[in-house]
């Protein structure tokens, strides 16, 4: 499977999902249901965006995602 797995395509799908969550419209709900929907959308966006920002490699058949969670002012290449 590792030979046919397209890591870049997977990362792009997560970027697309993050954008879809960001552009998602609110359903016609109110009160606590609305707040729950908004909270879930925020978590979904964060999760998809993190994977979408990852540097992915396959090492010895293992998918490795490297995600720099440091603030941009502290992040360095390397």
Protein backbone atom coordinates (compact mmCIF):
# COMPACT_ATOMS: atom_id res chain seq x y z
CA UNK A 1 0.00 0.00 0.00
CA UNK A 2 2.82 2.44 0.81
CA UNK A 3 3.99 2.26 -2.81
CA UNK A 4 0.62 3.38 -4.14
CA UNK A 5 -0.29 5.78 -1.32
CA UNK A 6 -0.11 9.45 -2.35
CA UNK A 7 0.88 11.36 0.78
CA UNK A 8 0.61 14.75 -0.93
CA UNK A 9 -2.94 13.97 -2.07
CA UNK A 10 -3.91 12.99 1.48
CA UNK A 11 -2.52 16.25 2.86
CA UNK A 12 -4.43 18.18 0.17
CA UNK A 13 -7.67 16.40 1.15
CA UNK A 14 -7.18 17.60 4.73
CA UNK A 15 -6.54 21.15 3.50
CA UNK A 16 -9.73 20.93 1.44
CA UNK A 17 -11.66 19.63 4.46
CA UNK A 18 -10.40 22.49 6.62
CA UNK A 19 -11.55 24.99 4.00
CA UNK A 20 -14.94 23.25 3.72
CA UNK A 21 -15.44 23.50 7.49
CA UNK A 22 -14.47 27.17 7.42
CA UNK A 23 -17.02 27.82 4.64
CA UNK A 24 -19.75 25.67 6.20
CA UNK A 25 -22.99 27.53 6.83
CA UNK A 26 -24.81 27.27 10.12
CA UNK A 27 -27.94 25.15 10.09
CA UNK A 28 -31.15 26.71 11.35
CA UNK A 29 -30.58 25.81 15.00
CA UNK A 30 -30.60 27.99 18.07
CA UNK A 31 -29.44 28.01 21.65
CA UNK A 32 -27.25 25.21 22.95
CA UNK A 33 -27.47 23.25 19.67
CA UNK A 34 -26.06 26.23 17.79
CA UNK A 35 -23.20 26.62 20.26
CA UNK A 36 -22.46 22.89 20.04
CA UNK A 37 -22.39 23.08 16.23
CA UNK A 38 -20.00 26.06 16.33
CA UNK A 39 -17.70 24.37 18.86
CA UNK A 40 -17.58 21.21 16.76
CA UNK A 41 -16.80 23.21 13.61
CA UNK A 42 -13.91 24.93 15.41
CA UNK A 43 -12.47 21.57 16.51
CA UNK A 44 -12.98 20.06 13.05
CA UNK A 45 -11.23 23.01 11.41
CA UNK A 46 -8.31 22.84 13.84
CA UNK A 47 -7.84 19.10 13.35
CA UNK A 48 -8.04 19.25 9.55
CA UNK A 49 -5.79 22.32 9.39
CA UNK A 50 -3.11 20.69 11.56
CA UNK A 51 -2.94 17.65 9.32
CA UNK A 52 -3.12 19.91 6.25
CA UNK A 53 -0.03 21.76 7.48
CA UNK A 54 1.93 18.59 8.20
CA UNK A 55 5.06 17.48 6.43
CA UNK A 56 4.36 13.86 5.57
CA UNK A 57 6.76 11.08 4.73
CA UNK A 58 6.62 7.32 4.58
CA UNK A 59 9.54 5.78 6.47
CA UNK A 60 9.89 2.01 6.25
CA UNK A 61 6.18 1.70 5.50
CA UNK A 62 5.12 4.00 8.35
CA UNK A 63 3.30 7.26 7.64
CA UNK A 64 5.05 10.01 9.60
CA UNK A 65 3.41 13.40 10.01
CA UNK A 66 5.60 16.21 11.30
CA UNK A 67 3.68 19.20 12.61
CA UNK A 68 5.38 22.28 14.04
CA UNK A 69 3.02 23.63 16.71
CA UNK A 70 5.32 26.42 17.82
CA UNK A 71 4.24 30.02 17.18
CA UNK A 72 5.53 31.34 13.84
CA UNK A 73 7.96 33.62 15.70
CA UNK A 74 9.62 30.56 17.28
CA UNK A 75 9.44 28.11 14.37
CA UNK A 76 12.58 27.31 12.45
CA UNK A 77 13.28 25.12 9.47
CA UNK A 78 15.17 22.01 10.27
